[in-house]
N, C-alpha and C. Protein backbone atom coordinates (compact mmCIF):
# COMPACT_ATOMS: atom_id res chain seq x y z
N UNK A 1 -50.14 -25.02 62.97
CA UNK A 1 -50.25 -26.46 63.06
C UNK A 1 -51.73 -26.84 63.02
N UNK A 2 -52.08 -27.67 62.12
CA UNK A 2 -53.48 -28.07 61.98
C UNK A 2 -53.86 -29.03 63.09
N UNK A 3 -55.03 -28.82 63.67
CA UNK A 3 -55.48 -29.73 64.73
C UNK A 3 -56.52 -30.70 64.21
N UNK A 4 -56.88 -30.58 62.95
CA UNK A 4 -57.87 -31.50 62.38
C UNK A 4 -57.33 -32.06 61.08
N UNK A 5 -57.79 -33.26 60.73
CA UNK A 5 -57.38 -33.81 59.45
C UNK A 5 -58.33 -33.32 58.36
N UNK A 6 -58.15 -33.80 57.14
CA UNK A 6 -58.92 -33.28 56.01
C UNK A 6 -60.43 -33.47 56.18
N UNK A 7 -60.87 -34.50 56.88
CA UNK A 7 -62.31 -34.75 57.03
C UNK A 7 -62.93 -33.92 58.15
N UNK A 8 -62.14 -33.15 58.87
CA UNK A 8 -62.67 -32.32 59.94
C UNK A 8 -62.75 -33.02 61.28
N UNK A 9 -62.28 -34.25 61.36
CA UNK A 9 -62.29 -34.98 62.63
C UNK A 9 -61.11 -34.51 63.48
N UNK A 10 -61.30 -34.46 64.79
CA UNK A 10 -60.18 -34.03 65.65
C UNK A 10 -59.01 -35.01 65.57
N UNK A 11 -57.81 -34.49 65.74
CA UNK A 11 -56.63 -35.35 65.73
C UNK A 11 -56.63 -36.22 66.99
N UNK A 12 -55.78 -37.22 67.01
CA UNK A 12 -55.65 -38.09 68.18
C UNK A 12 -55.28 -37.25 69.41
N UNK A 13 -54.34 -36.32 69.23
CA UNK A 13 -53.92 -35.47 70.34
C UNK A 13 -55.11 -34.66 70.86
N UNK A 14 -55.88 -34.06 69.96
CA UNK A 14 -57.02 -33.25 70.40
C UNK A 14 -58.13 -34.10 71.01
N UNK A 15 -58.26 -35.32 70.57
CA UNK A 15 -59.32 -36.19 71.07
C UNK A 15 -59.01 -36.74 72.46
N UNK A 16 -57.76 -37.13 72.71
CA UNK A 16 -57.44 -37.86 73.93
C UNK A 16 -56.59 -37.11 74.95
N UNK A 17 -56.09 -35.94 74.59
CA UNK A 17 -55.21 -35.21 75.50
C UNK A 17 -55.75 -33.81 75.76
N UNK A 18 -55.46 -33.31 76.95
CA UNK A 18 -55.74 -31.92 77.27
C UNK A 18 -54.42 -31.17 77.20
N UNK A 19 -54.43 -30.04 76.50
CA UNK A 19 -53.21 -29.24 76.36
C UNK A 19 -53.10 -28.25 77.51
N UNK A 20 -51.92 -28.23 78.14
CA UNK A 20 -51.60 -27.26 79.17
C UNK A 20 -50.30 -26.58 78.75
N UNK A 21 -50.12 -25.33 79.14
CA UNK A 21 -48.96 -24.58 78.69
C UNK A 21 -48.23 -23.92 79.85
N UNK A 22 -46.93 -23.82 79.70
CA UNK A 22 -46.09 -23.06 80.62
C UNK A 22 -45.34 -22.06 79.74
N UNK A 23 -45.50 -20.78 80.04
CA UNK A 23 -44.90 -19.75 79.19
C UNK A 23 -43.68 -19.13 79.85
N UNK A 24 -42.79 -18.61 79.02
CA UNK A 24 -41.61 -17.87 79.47
C UNK A 24 -40.87 -18.60 80.59
N UNK A 25 -40.56 -19.86 80.36
CA UNK A 25 -39.89 -20.66 81.38
C UNK A 25 -38.59 -20.03 81.84
N UNK A 26 -38.39 -20.02 83.14
CA UNK A 26 -37.19 -19.43 83.77
C UNK A 26 -37.00 -17.99 83.28
N UNK A 27 -38.10 -17.26 83.08
CA UNK A 27 -38.10 -15.85 82.66
C UNK A 27 -37.46 -15.61 81.30
N UNK A 28 -37.41 -16.64 80.47
CA UNK A 28 -36.89 -16.48 79.12
C UNK A 28 -38.07 -16.29 78.18
N UNK A 29 -38.18 -15.11 77.56
CA UNK A 29 -39.34 -14.79 76.74
C UNK A 29 -39.58 -15.82 75.64
N UNK A 30 -40.82 -16.23 75.52
CA UNK A 30 -41.31 -17.10 74.45
C UNK A 30 -40.84 -18.55 74.55
N UNK A 31 -40.05 -18.89 75.53
CA UNK A 31 -39.63 -20.29 75.66
C UNK A 31 -40.76 -21.07 76.32
N UNK A 32 -41.81 -21.26 75.53
CA UNK A 32 -43.04 -21.89 76.00
C UNK A 32 -43.02 -23.38 75.73
N UNK A 33 -43.63 -24.12 76.64
CA UNK A 33 -43.73 -25.55 76.48
C UNK A 33 -45.17 -25.99 76.67
N UNK A 34 -45.47 -27.16 76.15
CA UNK A 34 -46.81 -27.72 76.22
C UNK A 34 -46.75 -29.06 76.94
N UNK A 35 -47.74 -29.29 77.80
CA UNK A 35 -47.89 -30.57 78.47
C UNK A 35 -49.20 -31.17 77.98
N UNK A 36 -49.11 -32.31 77.33
CA UNK A 36 -50.31 -33.00 76.85
C UNK A 36 -50.68 -34.03 77.92
N UNK A 37 -51.83 -33.81 78.58
CA UNK A 37 -52.23 -34.69 79.68
C UNK A 37 -53.34 -35.64 79.22
N UNK A 38 -53.07 -36.92 79.34
CA UNK A 38 -54.05 -37.96 78.99
C UNK A 38 -54.92 -38.24 80.21
N UNK A 39 -56.10 -38.78 79.99
CA UNK A 39 -57.00 -39.10 81.10
C UNK A 39 -56.42 -40.16 82.03
N UNK A 40 -55.41 -40.92 81.57
CA UNK A 40 -54.79 -41.93 82.42
C UNK A 40 -53.63 -41.37 83.25
N UNK A 41 -53.50 -40.05 83.33
CA UNK A 41 -52.49 -39.32 84.10
C UNK A 41 -51.19 -39.09 83.35
N UNK A 42 -50.91 -39.88 82.33
CA UNK A 42 -49.63 -39.72 81.63
C UNK A 42 -49.58 -38.36 80.95
N UNK A 43 -48.41 -37.71 81.05
CA UNK A 43 -48.21 -36.39 80.45
C UNK A 43 -47.05 -36.45 79.46
N UNK A 44 -47.27 -35.89 78.29
CA UNK A 44 -46.26 -35.84 77.24
C UNK A 44 -45.75 -34.40 77.17
N UNK A 45 -44.45 -34.23 77.31
CA UNK A 45 -43.85 -32.89 77.30
C UNK A 45 -43.40 -32.57 75.87
N UNK A 46 -43.87 -31.43 75.37
CA UNK A 46 -43.54 -31.01 74.01
C UNK A 46 -43.18 -29.52 74.01
N UNK A 47 -42.71 -29.04 72.88
CA UNK A 47 -42.52 -27.61 72.71
C UNK A 47 -43.85 -27.00 72.29
N UNK A 48 -44.16 -25.82 72.81
CA UNK A 48 -45.36 -25.10 72.38
C UNK A 48 -45.10 -24.50 70.99
N UNK A 49 -46.18 -24.25 70.28
CA UNK A 49 -46.06 -23.73 68.90
C UNK A 49 -45.25 -22.45 68.82
N UNK A 50 -45.24 -21.66 69.89
CA UNK A 50 -44.56 -20.36 69.87
C UNK A 50 -43.08 -20.44 70.26
N UNK A 51 -42.58 -21.62 70.61
CA UNK A 51 -41.18 -21.74 71.05
C UNK A 51 -40.24 -21.28 69.95
N UNK A 52 -39.16 -20.56 70.32
CA UNK A 52 -38.23 -20.05 69.30
C UNK A 52 -37.65 -21.12 68.37
N UNK A 53 -37.51 -22.35 68.85
CA UNK A 53 -36.98 -23.43 68.00
C UNK A 53 -37.90 -23.69 66.81
N UNK A 54 -39.18 -23.42 66.99
CA UNK A 54 -40.15 -23.69 65.93
C UNK A 54 -40.41 -22.46 65.05
N UNK A 55 -39.66 -21.38 65.28
CA UNK A 55 -39.88 -20.13 64.55
C UNK A 55 -38.72 -19.84 63.59
N UNK A 56 -38.99 -19.03 62.63
CA UNK A 56 -37.97 -18.44 61.75
C UNK A 56 -37.06 -19.45 61.06
N UNK A 57 -37.55 -20.63 60.76
CA UNK A 57 -36.76 -21.60 60.02
C UNK A 57 -35.48 -22.04 60.70
N UNK A 58 -35.45 -21.98 62.01
CA UNK A 58 -34.25 -22.41 62.76
C UNK A 58 -33.92 -23.87 62.45
N UNK A 59 -32.64 -24.19 62.47
CA UNK A 59 -32.17 -25.55 62.27
C UNK A 59 -31.58 -26.07 63.58
N UNK A 60 -31.88 -27.31 63.90
CA UNK A 60 -31.36 -27.91 65.12
C UNK A 60 -30.02 -28.58 64.82
N UNK A 61 -29.02 -28.22 65.62
CA UNK A 61 -27.69 -28.81 65.47
C UNK A 61 -27.59 -30.08 66.32
N UNK A 62 -28.06 -30.00 67.57
CA UNK A 62 -27.95 -31.18 68.44
C UNK A 62 -28.98 -31.14 69.56
N UNK A 63 -29.29 -32.33 70.06
CA UNK A 63 -30.18 -32.50 71.21
C UNK A 63 -29.42 -33.37 72.19
N UNK A 64 -29.35 -32.93 73.44
CA UNK A 64 -28.56 -33.65 74.42
C UNK A 64 -29.38 -33.89 75.68
N UNK A 65 -29.55 -35.16 76.03
CA UNK A 65 -30.26 -35.52 77.26
C UNK A 65 -29.30 -35.64 78.44
N UNK A 66 -28.01 -35.33 78.24
CA UNK A 66 -27.02 -35.35 79.33
C UNK A 66 -27.16 -34.02 80.07
N UNK A 67 -27.75 -34.06 81.26
CA UNK A 67 -28.06 -32.83 81.99
C UNK A 67 -26.86 -32.32 82.76
N UNK A 68 -26.11 -33.23 83.35
CA UNK A 68 -24.89 -32.87 84.07
C UNK A 68 -23.94 -34.06 83.97
N UNK A 69 -22.78 -33.93 84.60
CA UNK A 69 -21.79 -35.02 84.54
C UNK A 69 -22.37 -36.33 85.08
N UNK A 70 -23.24 -36.23 86.08
CA UNK A 70 -23.79 -37.44 86.72
C UNK A 70 -25.23 -37.75 86.35
N UNK A 71 -25.82 -36.97 85.47
CA UNK A 71 -27.25 -37.17 85.18
C UNK A 71 -27.53 -37.15 83.68
N UNK A 72 -27.90 -38.30 83.18
CA UNK A 72 -28.33 -38.39 81.79
C UNK A 72 -29.74 -38.94 81.78
N UNK A 73 -30.64 -38.25 81.11
CA UNK A 73 -32.02 -38.74 81.01
C UNK A 73 -32.07 -40.03 80.18
N UNK A 74 -31.05 -40.28 79.37
CA UNK A 74 -31.02 -41.52 78.58
C UNK A 74 -30.77 -42.74 79.46
N UNK A 75 -30.21 -42.54 80.66
CA UNK A 75 -29.94 -43.65 81.58
C UNK A 75 -31.17 -44.02 82.40
N UNK A 76 -32.28 -43.33 82.18
CA UNK A 76 -33.51 -43.58 82.92
C UNK A 76 -34.03 -44.99 82.61
N UNK A 77 -34.27 -45.78 83.62
CA UNK A 77 -34.79 -47.14 83.43
C UNK A 77 -36.00 -47.34 84.34
N UNK A 78 -37.11 -47.67 83.75
CA UNK A 78 -38.32 -47.96 84.53
C UNK A 78 -38.68 -49.42 84.34
N UNK A 79 -39.34 -49.98 85.37
CA UNK A 79 -39.75 -51.37 85.25
C UNK A 79 -41.04 -51.61 86.02
N UNK A 80 -41.76 -52.61 85.59
CA UNK A 80 -42.96 -53.03 86.29
C UNK A 80 -44.17 -52.15 86.04
N UNK A 81 -45.28 -52.62 86.56
CA UNK A 81 -46.55 -51.93 86.37
C UNK A 81 -46.54 -50.54 87.02
N UNK A 82 -45.87 -50.43 88.16
CA UNK A 82 -45.86 -49.13 88.84
C UNK A 82 -44.70 -48.24 88.38
N UNK A 83 -44.01 -48.65 87.34
CA UNK A 83 -42.95 -47.85 86.70
C UNK A 83 -41.86 -47.46 87.70
N UNK A 84 -41.41 -48.43 88.48
CA UNK A 84 -40.34 -48.19 89.45
C UNK A 84 -39.03 -47.88 88.75
N UNK A 85 -38.24 -47.06 89.43
CA UNK A 85 -36.89 -46.78 88.95
C UNK A 85 -36.76 -45.55 88.09
N UNK A 86 -37.85 -44.96 87.64
CA UNK A 86 -37.77 -43.76 86.81
C UNK A 86 -37.27 -42.58 87.62
N UNK A 87 -36.52 -41.71 86.98
CA UNK A 87 -36.01 -40.52 87.67
C UNK A 87 -37.18 -39.64 88.07
N UNK A 88 -37.14 -39.11 89.31
CA UNK A 88 -38.20 -38.21 89.75
C UNK A 88 -37.83 -36.79 89.34
N UNK A 89 -38.80 -36.09 88.75
CA UNK A 89 -38.57 -34.74 88.23
C UNK A 89 -39.41 -33.72 88.99
N UNK A 90 -38.86 -32.54 89.17
CA UNK A 90 -39.63 -31.42 89.67
C UNK A 90 -40.05 -30.58 88.47
N UNK A 91 -40.82 -29.52 88.71
CA UNK A 91 -41.31 -28.69 87.60
C UNK A 91 -40.17 -28.09 86.77
N UNK A 92 -39.08 -27.72 87.43
CA UNK A 92 -37.98 -27.07 86.71
C UNK A 92 -36.79 -27.99 86.47
N UNK A 93 -37.03 -29.29 86.50
CA UNK A 93 -35.96 -30.25 86.19
C UNK A 93 -35.69 -30.22 84.69
N UNK A 94 -34.44 -30.01 84.28
CA UNK A 94 -34.13 -30.01 82.85
C UNK A 94 -34.29 -31.42 82.26
N UNK A 95 -34.88 -31.49 81.08
CA UNK A 95 -35.03 -32.77 80.37
C UNK A 95 -33.94 -32.93 79.32
N UNK A 96 -33.72 -31.85 78.57
CA UNK A 96 -32.68 -31.91 77.53
C UNK A 96 -32.26 -30.50 77.16
N UNK A 97 -31.16 -30.43 76.42
CA UNK A 97 -30.69 -29.16 75.88
C UNK A 97 -30.66 -29.28 74.37
N UNK A 98 -31.19 -28.26 73.73
CA UNK A 98 -31.26 -28.26 72.27
C UNK A 98 -30.41 -27.10 71.76
N UNK A 99 -29.47 -27.40 70.88
CA UNK A 99 -28.61 -26.36 70.31
C UNK A 99 -28.98 -26.20 68.85
N UNK A 100 -29.17 -24.95 68.44
CA UNK A 100 -29.49 -24.64 67.05
C UNK A 100 -28.21 -24.28 66.30
N UNK A 101 -28.29 -24.33 64.99
CA UNK A 101 -27.11 -24.03 64.16
C UNK A 101 -26.67 -22.58 64.30
N UNK A 102 -27.56 -21.68 64.77
CA UNK A 102 -27.17 -20.28 64.96
C UNK A 102 -26.48 -20.07 66.32
N UNK A 103 -26.23 -21.16 67.05
CA UNK A 103 -25.53 -21.06 68.32
C UNK A 103 -26.44 -20.92 69.55
N UNK A 104 -27.71 -20.64 69.32
CA UNK A 104 -28.64 -20.52 70.45
C UNK A 104 -28.86 -21.88 71.09
N UNK A 105 -28.89 -21.88 72.44
CA UNK A 105 -29.14 -23.13 73.17
C UNK A 105 -30.39 -22.95 74.03
N UNK A 106 -31.23 -23.96 74.03
CA UNK A 106 -32.47 -23.93 74.79
C UNK A 106 -32.53 -25.16 75.69
N UNK A 107 -32.97 -24.93 76.93
CA UNK A 107 -33.17 -26.05 77.85
C UNK A 107 -34.66 -26.32 77.94
N UNK A 108 -35.04 -27.57 77.80
CA UNK A 108 -36.44 -27.97 77.91
C UNK A 108 -36.62 -28.57 79.31
N UNK A 109 -37.63 -28.06 80.03
CA UNK A 109 -37.88 -28.47 81.41
C UNK A 109 -39.09 -29.38 81.49
N UNK A 110 -39.22 -30.06 82.62
CA UNK A 110 -40.31 -30.99 82.83
C UNK A 110 -41.67 -30.29 82.90
N UNK A 111 -41.75 -29.13 83.52
CA UNK A 111 -42.99 -28.35 83.71
C UNK A 111 -43.92 -28.95 84.77
N UNK A 112 -43.78 -30.21 85.07
CA UNK A 112 -44.63 -30.86 86.07
C UNK A 112 -43.77 -31.79 86.94
N UNK A 113 -44.31 -32.11 88.11
CA UNK A 113 -43.64 -33.08 88.99
C UNK A 113 -44.09 -34.48 88.61
N UNK A 114 -43.15 -35.40 88.58
CA UNK A 114 -43.53 -36.77 88.27
C UNK A 114 -42.34 -37.64 87.96
N UNK A 115 -42.62 -38.87 87.63
CA UNK A 115 -41.59 -39.85 87.32
C UNK A 115 -41.38 -39.88 85.80
N UNK A 116 -40.11 -39.79 85.39
CA UNK A 116 -39.78 -39.85 83.97
C UNK A 116 -39.97 -41.27 83.47
N UNK A 117 -40.89 -41.45 82.53
CA UNK A 117 -41.12 -42.79 81.96
C UNK A 117 -40.22 -43.05 80.77
N UNK A 118 -40.10 -42.05 79.91
CA UNK A 118 -39.24 -42.24 78.73
C UNK A 118 -38.88 -40.91 78.13
N UNK A 119 -37.76 -40.91 77.41
CA UNK A 119 -37.39 -39.77 76.59
C UNK A 119 -37.48 -40.23 75.14
N UNK A 120 -37.66 -39.29 74.25
CA UNK A 120 -37.82 -39.60 72.84
C UNK A 120 -36.44 -39.68 72.17
N UNK A 121 -35.92 -40.89 72.06
CA UNK A 121 -34.61 -41.07 71.43
C UNK A 121 -34.66 -40.86 69.92
N UNK A 122 -35.84 -40.92 69.33
CA UNK A 122 -35.97 -40.72 67.87
C UNK A 122 -35.52 -39.32 67.45
N UNK A 123 -35.71 -38.32 68.34
CA UNK A 123 -35.32 -36.96 67.95
C UNK A 123 -33.80 -36.78 67.96
N UNK A 124 -33.08 -37.71 68.58
CA UNK A 124 -31.62 -37.64 68.55
C UNK A 124 -31.10 -37.92 67.14
N UNK A 125 -31.70 -38.90 66.48
CA UNK A 125 -31.26 -39.25 65.13
C UNK A 125 -32.01 -38.47 64.05
N UNK A 126 -33.17 -37.95 64.39
CA UNK A 126 -33.97 -37.20 63.43
C UNK A 126 -34.54 -35.94 64.11
N UNK A 127 -33.67 -34.93 64.36
CA UNK A 127 -34.11 -33.73 65.10
C UNK A 127 -35.23 -32.95 64.41
N UNK A 128 -35.39 -33.13 63.10
CA UNK A 128 -36.44 -32.39 62.40
C UNK A 128 -37.84 -32.79 62.88
N UNK A 129 -37.97 -33.98 63.48
CA UNK A 129 -39.28 -34.38 64.05
C UNK A 129 -39.76 -33.38 65.07
N UNK A 130 -38.81 -32.83 65.82
CA UNK A 130 -39.14 -31.84 66.85
C UNK A 130 -39.83 -30.63 66.25
N UNK A 131 -39.42 -30.24 65.06
CA UNK A 131 -40.00 -29.07 64.40
C UNK A 131 -41.20 -29.42 63.54
N UNK A 132 -41.14 -30.56 62.86
CA UNK A 132 -42.21 -30.92 61.94
C UNK A 132 -43.45 -31.47 62.65
N UNK A 133 -43.25 -32.21 63.74
CA UNK A 133 -44.36 -32.85 64.44
C UNK A 133 -44.18 -32.72 65.95
N UNK A 134 -44.16 -31.47 66.47
CA UNK A 134 -43.85 -31.27 67.89
C UNK A 134 -44.84 -31.93 68.85
N UNK A 135 -46.10 -32.08 68.46
CA UNK A 135 -47.09 -32.66 69.38
C UNK A 135 -47.19 -34.17 69.29
N UNK A 136 -46.55 -34.75 68.29
CA UNK A 136 -46.69 -36.21 68.13
C UNK A 136 -45.31 -36.85 68.18
N UNK A 137 -44.74 -37.22 67.04
CA UNK A 137 -43.46 -37.91 67.03
C UNK A 137 -42.29 -37.07 67.53
N UNK A 138 -42.46 -35.75 67.60
CA UNK A 138 -41.39 -34.87 68.06
C UNK A 138 -41.48 -34.49 69.52
N UNK A 139 -42.15 -35.31 70.31
CA UNK A 139 -42.26 -35.00 71.75
C UNK A 139 -40.88 -35.12 72.40
N UNK A 140 -40.74 -34.55 73.59
CA UNK A 140 -39.47 -34.56 74.31
C UNK A 140 -39.40 -35.75 75.28
N UNK A 141 -40.46 -35.89 76.11
CA UNK A 141 -40.44 -36.93 77.15
C UNK A 141 -41.85 -37.25 77.60
N UNK A 142 -41.97 -38.37 78.31
CA UNK A 142 -43.24 -38.79 78.91
C UNK A 142 -43.02 -38.86 80.42
N UNK A 143 -43.92 -38.19 81.15
CA UNK A 143 -43.81 -38.10 82.61
C UNK A 143 -45.11 -38.58 83.24
N UNK A 144 -44.99 -39.32 84.33
CA UNK A 144 -46.16 -39.81 85.06
C UNK A 144 -46.20 -39.15 86.43
N UNK A 145 -47.18 -38.26 86.67
CA UNK A 145 -47.30 -37.64 88.00
C UNK A 145 -47.71 -38.69 89.04
N UNK A 146 -47.38 -38.40 90.31
CA UNK A 146 -47.84 -39.27 91.38
C UNK A 146 -49.36 -39.28 91.37
N UNK A 147 -49.95 -40.42 91.72
CA UNK A 147 -51.40 -40.55 91.68
C UNK A 147 -52.08 -39.45 92.49
N UNK A 148 -51.57 -39.22 93.71
CA UNK A 148 -52.22 -38.22 94.58
C UNK A 148 -52.02 -36.78 94.09
N UNK A 149 -51.08 -36.58 93.18
CA UNK A 149 -50.84 -35.24 92.63
C UNK A 149 -51.43 -35.07 91.23
N UNK A 150 -52.03 -36.11 90.69
CA UNK A 150 -52.46 -36.07 89.29
C UNK A 150 -53.50 -34.98 89.01
N UNK A 151 -54.33 -34.65 89.99
CA UNK A 151 -55.33 -33.59 89.78
C UNK A 151 -54.71 -32.21 89.90
N UNK A 152 -53.70 -32.07 90.77
CA UNK A 152 -53.11 -30.75 91.03
C UNK A 152 -51.88 -30.47 90.16
N UNK A 153 -51.46 -31.44 89.36
CA UNK A 153 -50.23 -31.30 88.60
C UNK A 153 -50.30 -30.13 87.60
N UNK A 154 -51.49 -29.77 87.19
CA UNK A 154 -51.62 -28.70 86.20
C UNK A 154 -51.77 -27.32 86.84
N UNK A 155 -51.74 -27.24 88.16
CA UNK A 155 -51.76 -25.92 88.79
C UNK A 155 -50.52 -25.16 88.35
N UNK A 156 -50.70 -23.92 87.97
CA UNK A 156 -49.57 -23.14 87.49
C UNK A 156 -49.38 -23.24 85.98
N UNK A 157 -50.15 -24.12 85.35
CA UNK A 157 -50.10 -24.21 83.89
C UNK A 157 -51.31 -23.48 83.31
N UNK A 158 -51.20 -23.08 82.07
CA UNK A 158 -52.27 -22.34 81.40
C UNK A 158 -53.11 -23.26 80.53
N UNK A 159 -54.40 -22.94 80.42
CA UNK A 159 -55.27 -23.66 79.50
C UNK A 159 -54.97 -23.19 78.07
N UNK A 160 -55.51 -23.87 77.10
CA UNK A 160 -55.33 -23.48 75.70
C UNK A 160 -55.81 -22.04 75.47
N UNK A 161 -56.95 -21.68 76.04
CA UNK A 161 -57.50 -20.34 75.86
C UNK A 161 -56.61 -19.28 76.50
N UNK A 162 -56.14 -19.54 77.71
CA UNK A 162 -55.26 -18.59 78.40
C UNK A 162 -53.96 -18.41 77.61
N UNK A 163 -53.45 -19.50 77.08
CA UNK A 163 -52.23 -19.46 76.29
C UNK A 163 -52.43 -18.63 75.02
N UNK A 164 -53.55 -18.85 74.34
CA UNK A 164 -53.83 -18.08 73.12
C UNK A 164 -53.97 -16.59 73.43
N UNK A 165 -54.53 -16.26 74.60
CA UNK A 165 -54.62 -14.85 75.02
C UNK A 165 -53.23 -14.24 75.18
N UNK A 166 -52.31 -14.99 75.78
CA UNK A 166 -50.94 -14.50 75.96
C UNK A 166 -50.27 -14.30 74.60
N UNK A 167 -50.46 -15.24 73.69
CA UNK A 167 -49.88 -15.10 72.34
C UNK A 167 -50.43 -13.86 71.65
N UNK A 168 -51.70 -13.63 71.81
CA UNK A 168 -52.35 -12.49 71.20
C UNK A 168 -51.80 -11.17 71.78
N UNK A 169 -51.59 -11.14 73.10
CA UNK A 169 -51.01 -9.94 73.74
C UNK A 169 -49.59 -9.72 73.27
N UNK A 170 -48.84 -10.80 73.13
CA UNK A 170 -47.45 -10.67 72.64
C UNK A 170 -47.44 -10.06 71.24
N UNK A 171 -48.34 -10.53 70.37
CA UNK A 171 -48.39 -10.01 69.00
C UNK A 171 -48.77 -8.53 68.98
N UNK A 172 -49.67 -8.13 69.86
CA UNK A 172 -50.11 -6.74 69.84
C UNK A 172 -49.05 -5.80 70.40
N UNK A 173 -48.22 -6.28 71.35
CA UNK A 173 -47.19 -5.41 71.92
C UNK A 173 -45.87 -5.50 71.16
N UNK A 174 -45.65 -6.62 70.47
CA UNK A 174 -44.41 -6.81 69.72
C UNK A 174 -44.71 -7.59 68.45
N UNK A 175 -44.88 -6.89 67.32
CA UNK A 175 -45.22 -7.58 66.08
C UNK A 175 -44.13 -8.54 65.59
N UNK A 176 -42.88 -8.34 66.07
CA UNK A 176 -41.81 -9.27 65.72
C UNK A 176 -41.99 -10.53 66.53
N UNK A 177 -41.90 -11.70 65.88
CA UNK A 177 -41.99 -12.94 66.66
C UNK A 177 -40.80 -13.05 67.62
N UNK A 178 -40.96 -13.87 68.60
CA UNK A 178 -39.91 -14.04 69.63
C UNK A 178 -38.61 -14.51 69.03
């Protein structure tokens, strides 16, 4: 995925967001996710480049924000300046389930604590956005950490450099992609 446009200028994501990574979520190899953190505290949850959904030409069959019988992320409603009413998420709160045409199912988690501001309904009608533009139009959700937790919200997440080191170690120990 290119991080610069043709003129060599950084992309909007690279200019305004810090990338944080969570690898092997719930001990599932390579199910890595990325948290794009803006200076205003808002965090955008996306799939990391190494996630199996983005590998080997996989096709997405469906995306479901219905987490359980009583919990749908699509029912999330926020209002007002302080974004009242949004569902509160923990680090391992499921955001959605993605099913591929090969039958594999993946759960995408919040990775951080905070209030769910929105989910990306565009990927429901156009799932290819998730694969073609995972850091921009193919994002999963937007989460706002509590103000007092905004500095510590990235504890337990990896920096871009640490993440690249892990990818490099994976390649050296297992030349087959995840």
